[in-house]
N, C-alpha and C. Protein backbone atom coordinates (compact mmCIF):
# COMPACT_ATOMS: atom_id res chain seq x y z
N MET A 1 113.15 101.92 91.70
CA MET A 1 112.43 101.87 90.46
C MET A 1 112.77 103.09 89.62
N ALA A 2 113.05 102.88 88.36
CA ALA A 2 113.36 103.97 87.44
C ALA A 2 112.10 104.37 86.67
N TYR A 3 111.98 105.65 86.38
CA TYR A 3 110.76 106.19 85.78
C TYR A 3 110.99 106.73 84.37
N ARG A 4 109.90 106.76 83.61
CA ARG A 4 109.87 107.34 82.28
C ARG A 4 109.16 108.69 82.39
N VAL A 5 109.87 109.75 81.99
CA VAL A 5 109.37 111.11 82.17
C VAL A 5 109.34 111.83 80.82
N LEU A 6 108.30 112.64 80.62
CA LEU A 6 108.18 113.48 79.43
C LEU A 6 108.29 114.94 79.87
N ILE A 7 109.21 115.68 79.25
CA ILE A 7 109.39 117.10 79.52
C ILE A 7 108.81 117.87 78.34
N VAL A 8 107.87 118.78 78.62
CA VAL A 8 107.20 119.55 77.57
C VAL A 8 107.50 121.03 77.80
N ASP A 9 108.29 121.62 76.92
CA ASP A 9 108.65 123.03 77.02
C ASP A 9 109.11 123.49 75.65
N ASP A 10 108.76 124.70 75.26
CA ASP A 10 109.14 125.18 73.93
C ASP A 10 110.61 125.58 73.83
N SER A 11 111.28 125.68 74.95
CA SER A 11 112.70 126.04 74.96
C SER A 11 113.58 124.79 75.05
N PRO A 12 114.38 124.51 73.99
CA PRO A 12 115.30 123.36 74.07
C PRO A 12 116.26 123.48 75.25
N ALA A 13 116.69 124.71 75.55
CA ALA A 13 117.61 124.92 76.66
C ALA A 13 116.94 124.58 77.99
N MET A 14 115.67 124.95 78.15
CA MET A 14 114.96 124.64 79.40
C MET A 14 114.71 123.14 79.52
N ARG A 15 114.37 122.48 78.40
CA ARG A 15 114.18 121.03 78.46
C ARG A 15 115.47 120.34 78.89
N ALA A 16 116.59 120.77 78.32
CA ALA A 16 117.89 120.19 78.68
C ALA A 16 118.22 120.48 80.15
N PHE A 17 117.90 121.69 80.60
CA PHE A 17 118.16 122.07 81.98
C PHE A 17 117.33 121.20 82.94
N ILE A 18 116.03 121.04 82.66
CA ILE A 18 115.17 120.23 83.52
C ILE A 18 115.67 118.80 83.57
N ARG A 19 116.04 118.27 82.41
CA ARG A 19 116.57 116.90 82.37
C ARG A 19 117.81 116.77 83.24
N ARG A 20 118.70 117.74 83.11
CA ARG A 20 119.95 117.72 83.88
C ARG A 20 119.66 117.83 85.38
N VAL A 21 118.72 118.69 85.74
CA VAL A 21 118.36 118.86 87.15
C VAL A 21 117.81 117.56 87.71
N ILE A 22 116.96 116.88 86.93
CA ILE A 22 116.41 115.59 87.39
C ILE A 22 117.55 114.60 87.62
N GLU A 23 118.48 114.54 86.67
CA GLU A 23 119.61 113.61 86.80
C GLU A 23 120.47 113.97 88.00
N MET A 24 120.74 115.27 88.19
CA MET A 24 121.56 115.73 89.31
C MET A 24 120.91 115.45 90.66
N SER A 25 119.59 115.44 90.68
CA SER A 25 118.87 115.26 91.94
C SER A 25 118.95 113.82 92.44
N GLY A 26 119.36 112.91 91.56
CA GLY A 26 119.41 111.50 91.95
C GLY A 26 118.13 110.75 91.67
N PHE A 27 117.15 111.42 91.10
CA PHE A 27 115.89 110.76 90.73
C PHE A 27 116.19 109.74 89.64
N GLU A 28 115.66 108.55 89.78
CA GLU A 28 115.99 107.48 88.83
C GLU A 28 115.14 107.55 87.57
N LEU A 29 115.82 107.81 86.45
CA LEU A 29 115.17 107.86 85.14
C LEU A 29 115.56 106.63 84.34
N SER A 30 114.58 106.00 83.71
CA SER A 30 114.92 104.96 82.75
C SER A 30 114.86 105.53 81.35
N SER A 31 113.95 106.50 81.13
CA SER A 31 113.83 107.19 79.85
C SER A 31 113.35 108.61 80.09
N CYS A 32 113.81 109.52 79.25
CA CYS A 32 113.38 110.90 79.33
C CYS A 32 113.05 111.35 77.91
N PHE A 33 111.78 111.69 77.69
CA PHE A 33 111.32 112.14 76.38
C PHE A 33 111.12 113.64 76.42
N GLU A 34 111.14 114.26 75.24
CA GLU A 34 110.96 115.71 75.17
C GLU A 34 109.97 116.07 74.08
N ALA A 35 109.22 117.14 74.31
CA ALA A 35 108.31 117.70 73.32
C ALA A 35 108.36 119.22 73.44
N SER A 36 108.22 119.91 72.32
CA SER A 36 108.33 121.37 72.34
C SER A 36 106.99 122.07 72.52
N ASN A 37 105.90 121.31 72.54
CA ASN A 37 104.58 121.89 72.80
C ASN A 37 103.61 120.75 73.15
N GLY A 38 102.41 121.12 73.53
CA GLY A 38 101.44 120.13 73.94
C GLY A 38 101.04 119.16 72.85
N GLN A 39 100.97 119.64 71.61
CA GLN A 39 100.59 118.74 70.52
C GLN A 39 101.66 117.67 70.29
N GLU A 40 102.92 118.08 70.32
CA GLU A 40 104.01 117.09 70.20
C GLU A 40 103.94 116.07 71.34
N ALA A 41 103.60 116.55 72.52
CA ALA A 41 103.48 115.66 73.68
C ALA A 41 102.38 114.63 73.45
N LEU A 42 101.22 115.09 72.99
CA LEU A 42 100.10 114.16 72.73
C LEU A 42 100.46 113.16 71.65
N ASP A 43 101.15 113.63 70.61
CA ASP A 43 101.58 112.73 69.53
C ASP A 43 102.53 111.66 70.07
N LEU A 44 103.47 112.07 70.90
CA LEU A 44 104.43 111.13 71.48
C LEU A 44 103.73 110.12 72.39
N LEU A 45 102.74 110.59 73.14
CA LEU A 45 102.04 109.72 74.09
C LEU A 45 101.18 108.66 73.40
N ARG A 46 100.99 108.79 72.11
CA ARG A 46 100.28 107.74 71.37
C ARG A 46 101.15 106.50 71.20
N PHE A 47 102.48 106.70 71.32
CA PHE A 47 103.43 105.60 71.08
C PHE A 47 104.29 105.24 72.27
N GLU A 48 104.38 106.12 73.25
CA GLU A 48 105.25 105.89 74.40
C GLU A 48 104.47 106.10 75.69
N TRP A 49 104.64 105.19 76.64
CA TRP A 49 104.04 105.36 77.95
C TRP A 49 105.04 106.09 78.84
N VAL A 50 104.55 107.02 79.63
CA VAL A 50 105.41 107.71 80.60
C VAL A 50 104.77 107.63 81.98
N ASP A 51 105.59 107.75 82.99
CA ASP A 51 105.10 107.73 84.37
C ASP A 51 104.72 109.12 84.87
N ALA A 52 105.31 110.17 84.25
CA ALA A 52 105.01 111.54 84.66
C ALA A 52 105.29 112.49 83.51
N ILE A 53 104.56 113.60 83.51
CA ILE A 53 104.74 114.66 82.52
C ILE A 53 105.09 115.94 83.27
N LEU A 54 106.16 116.58 82.83
CA LEU A 54 106.55 117.89 83.36
C LEU A 54 106.29 118.89 82.25
N THR A 55 105.39 119.84 82.48
CA THR A 55 105.03 120.75 81.40
C THR A 55 105.09 122.22 81.79
N ASP A 56 105.51 123.01 80.84
CA ASP A 56 105.45 124.46 80.94
C ASP A 56 104.01 124.86 80.63
N ILE A 57 103.68 126.13 80.80
CA ILE A 57 102.34 126.61 80.47
C ILE A 57 102.35 127.31 79.11
N ASN A 58 103.20 128.31 78.97
CA ASN A 58 103.20 129.14 77.77
C ASN A 58 104.05 128.53 76.67
N MET A 59 103.36 127.97 75.66
CA MET A 59 104.03 127.35 74.52
C MET A 59 103.19 127.60 73.27
N PRO A 60 103.83 127.63 72.11
CA PRO A 60 103.05 127.78 70.87
C PRO A 60 102.32 126.48 70.52
N VAL A 61 101.47 126.54 69.54
CA VAL A 61 100.71 125.42 68.99
C VAL A 61 99.66 124.93 69.98
N LEU A 62 100.09 124.35 71.11
CA LEU A 62 99.17 123.85 72.14
C LEU A 62 99.83 124.11 73.49
N ASP A 63 99.24 125.00 74.28
CA ASP A 63 99.87 125.39 75.55
C ASP A 63 99.61 124.36 76.65
N GLY A 64 100.20 124.61 77.81
CA GLY A 64 100.09 123.68 78.92
C GLY A 64 98.67 123.52 79.45
N GLU A 65 97.89 124.59 79.44
CA GLU A 65 96.50 124.48 79.90
C GLU A 65 95.71 123.54 79.00
N GLU A 66 95.83 123.72 77.70
CA GLU A 66 95.10 122.87 76.77
C GLU A 66 95.62 121.44 76.81
N LEU A 67 96.91 121.27 77.02
CA LEU A 67 97.46 119.92 77.17
C LEU A 67 96.80 119.21 78.35
N LEU A 68 96.69 119.89 79.49
CA LEU A 68 96.05 119.29 80.66
C LEU A 68 94.59 118.95 80.37
N ARG A 69 93.88 119.85 79.68
CA ARG A 69 92.48 119.57 79.32
C ARG A 69 92.37 118.30 78.49
N ARG A 70 93.23 118.19 77.49
CA ARG A 70 93.17 117.03 76.59
C ARG A 70 93.59 115.74 77.30
N LEU A 71 94.58 115.83 78.16
CA LEU A 71 94.98 114.64 78.93
C LEU A 71 93.81 114.13 79.77
N SER A 72 93.07 115.06 80.37
CA SER A 72 91.96 114.65 81.23
C SER A 72 90.81 114.02 80.44
N GLN A 73 90.76 114.27 79.15
CA GLN A 73 89.69 113.72 78.30
C GLN A 73 90.04 112.35 77.73
N GLU A 74 91.30 111.95 77.84
CA GLU A 74 91.74 110.67 77.29
C GLU A 74 91.76 109.61 78.39
N GLU A 75 91.03 108.55 78.19
CA GLU A 75 90.90 107.48 79.19
C GLU A 75 92.26 106.98 79.69
N LEU A 76 93.16 106.67 78.79
CA LEU A 76 94.46 106.14 79.19
C LEU A 76 95.38 107.20 79.79
N LEU A 77 95.29 108.42 79.30
CA LEU A 77 96.25 109.45 79.70
C LEU A 77 95.87 110.20 80.97
N ARG A 78 94.61 110.16 81.36
CA ARG A 78 94.21 110.94 82.54
C ARG A 78 94.86 110.44 83.81
N SER A 79 95.35 109.21 83.80
CA SER A 79 96.00 108.68 85.00
C SER A 79 97.47 109.07 85.11
N VAL A 80 98.04 109.61 84.04
CA VAL A 80 99.45 110.01 84.06
C VAL A 80 99.56 111.34 84.80
N PRO A 81 100.30 111.38 85.89
CA PRO A 81 100.41 112.63 86.63
C PRO A 81 101.21 113.69 85.87
N ALA A 82 100.64 114.90 85.85
CA ALA A 82 101.31 116.03 85.21
C ALA A 82 101.72 117.03 86.28
N ILE A 83 102.95 117.51 86.16
CA ILE A 83 103.48 118.53 87.05
C ILE A 83 103.79 119.75 86.19
N VAL A 84 103.27 120.89 86.59
CA VAL A 84 103.53 122.14 85.88
C VAL A 84 104.81 122.75 86.41
N ILE A 85 105.66 123.22 85.49
CA ILE A 85 106.87 123.96 85.86
C ILE A 85 106.75 125.32 85.20
N SER A 86 106.62 126.38 86.00
CA SER A 86 106.33 127.70 85.44
C SER A 86 106.95 128.80 86.29
N THR A 87 107.12 129.96 85.66
CA THR A 87 107.56 131.15 86.40
C THR A 87 106.40 131.81 87.11
N ASP A 88 105.18 131.47 86.73
CA ASP A 88 103.98 132.07 87.32
C ASP A 88 103.69 131.41 88.67
N ALA A 89 103.92 132.15 89.74
CA ALA A 89 103.75 131.61 91.09
C ALA A 89 102.48 132.12 91.76
N THR A 90 101.59 132.74 90.99
CA THR A 90 100.38 133.28 91.59
C THR A 90 99.44 132.15 92.00
N SER A 91 98.74 132.34 93.11
CA SER A 91 97.82 131.31 93.57
C SER A 91 96.70 131.09 92.56
N ARG A 92 96.32 132.14 91.86
CA ARG A 92 95.27 132.00 90.84
C ARG A 92 95.69 131.03 89.75
N ARG A 93 96.93 131.16 89.27
CA ARG A 93 97.42 130.27 88.21
C ARG A 93 97.58 128.85 88.73
N ILE A 94 98.14 128.71 89.91
CA ILE A 94 98.34 127.38 90.49
C ILE A 94 96.99 126.68 90.68
N ASP A 95 96.02 127.40 91.21
CA ASP A 95 94.68 126.82 91.40
C ASP A 95 94.06 126.44 90.07
N ARG A 96 94.23 127.27 89.06
CA ARG A 96 93.68 126.99 87.73
C ARG A 96 94.29 125.73 87.14
N MET A 97 95.60 125.60 87.24
CA MET A 97 96.27 124.43 86.68
C MET A 97 95.90 123.17 87.45
N ARG A 98 95.76 123.26 88.74
CA ARG A 98 95.31 122.11 89.53
C ARG A 98 93.88 121.72 89.16
N ALA A 99 93.03 122.71 88.92
CA ALA A 99 91.64 122.43 88.52
C ALA A 99 91.60 121.73 87.16
N LEU A 100 92.59 121.99 86.31
CA LEU A 100 92.67 121.35 85.00
C LEU A 100 93.29 119.95 85.08
N GLY A 101 93.81 119.58 86.25
CA GLY A 101 94.33 118.23 86.40
C GLY A 101 95.78 118.12 86.80
N ALA A 102 96.48 119.24 86.94
CA ALA A 102 97.89 119.16 87.38
C ALA A 102 97.95 118.55 88.77
N ARG A 103 98.85 117.60 88.96
CA ARG A 103 99.00 116.97 90.27
C ARG A 103 100.10 117.62 91.10
N GLY A 104 100.91 118.46 90.42
CA GLY A 104 101.98 119.15 91.12
C GLY A 104 102.29 120.46 90.42
N TYR A 105 103.04 121.32 91.10
CA TYR A 105 103.39 122.63 90.55
C TYR A 105 104.73 123.03 91.13
N VAL A 106 105.68 123.34 90.25
CA VAL A 106 107.01 123.78 90.66
C VAL A 106 107.26 125.13 90.02
N THR A 107 107.70 126.09 90.83
CA THR A 107 107.94 127.43 90.33
C THR A 107 109.41 127.61 89.97
N LYS A 108 109.64 128.18 88.77
CA LYS A 108 111.01 128.51 88.33
C LYS A 108 111.39 129.81 89.02
N PRO A 109 112.64 129.98 89.43
CA PRO A 109 113.70 128.98 89.45
C PRO A 109 113.47 128.00 90.61
N PHE A 110 114.01 126.82 90.46
CA PHE A 110 113.83 125.79 91.48
C PHE A 110 115.16 125.09 91.73
N ARG A 111 115.25 124.42 92.86
CA ARG A 111 116.43 123.65 93.20
C ARG A 111 116.20 122.20 92.80
N PRO A 112 117.26 121.45 92.49
CA PRO A 112 117.10 120.04 92.12
C PRO A 112 116.29 119.25 93.14
N GLU A 113 116.52 119.50 94.42
CA GLU A 113 115.80 118.75 95.44
C GLU A 113 114.31 119.08 95.47
N ASP A 114 113.96 120.32 95.06
CA ASP A 114 112.53 120.67 94.99
C ASP A 114 111.82 119.89 93.89
N LEU A 115 112.46 119.80 92.74
CA LEU A 115 111.86 119.06 91.63
C LEU A 115 111.78 117.58 91.96
N ARG A 116 112.83 117.05 92.54
CA ARG A 116 112.82 115.63 92.92
C ARG A 116 111.71 115.35 93.93
N ALA A 117 111.57 116.21 94.92
CA ALA A 117 110.54 116.01 95.95
C ALA A 117 109.15 116.04 95.33
N GLU A 118 108.93 116.94 94.40
CA GLU A 118 107.61 117.02 93.76
C GLU A 118 107.35 115.80 92.88
N LEU A 119 108.36 115.34 92.17
CA LEU A 119 108.21 114.11 91.38
C LEU A 119 107.90 112.92 92.29
N GLU A 120 108.65 112.77 93.35
CA GLU A 120 108.43 111.64 94.26
C GLU A 120 107.05 111.73 94.92
N ARG A 121 106.66 112.90 95.37
CA ARG A 121 105.35 113.08 96.00
C ARG A 121 104.25 112.74 95.01
N THR A 122 104.36 113.23 93.80
CA THR A 122 103.33 113.01 92.79
C THR A 122 103.26 111.54 92.36
N LEU A 123 104.39 110.90 92.20
CA LEU A 123 104.39 109.50 91.76
C LEU A 123 103.97 108.54 92.86
N GLU A 124 104.12 108.92 94.10
CA GLU A 124 103.70 108.06 95.20
C GLU A 124 102.23 108.20 95.53
N ALA A 125 101.61 109.32 95.08
CA ALA A 125 100.18 109.54 95.36
C ALA A 125 99.33 108.61 94.52
N PRO A 126 98.16 108.26 95.01
CA PRO A 126 97.26 107.42 94.20
C PRO A 126 96.87 108.13 92.93
N HIS A 127 96.77 107.39 91.83
CA HIS A 127 96.41 107.94 90.53
C HIS A 127 95.01 107.51 90.17
N ASP A 128 94.32 108.36 89.43
CA ASP A 128 92.96 108.02 88.95
C ASP A 128 93.00 106.89 87.94
């Protein structure tokens, strides 16, 4: 089964890198969407369904924490699993993002197989 994934990061280079890593890992993508901040992601999600969201935390306009808060408040969107991709590997940050609704957490730098494993684990888990 091929999946539709949304990558949310303010860096075009990081979005391209994450996309390439997903492709290199062998994870099956049918579509890959991109947004440069949480607001762009929410706007896109009004018109496109995705199976998973990969989001950074620190972004202008609407950061990853607020994106997770807003996703959890939307009836249709709260079931879409979000995975945080961040350089912040502290247990405090990971716990905070999970409390906000993140279903997975990947620390930069990461290997393609790590991202693939987290995507597969998150997509196979039961969704709300």
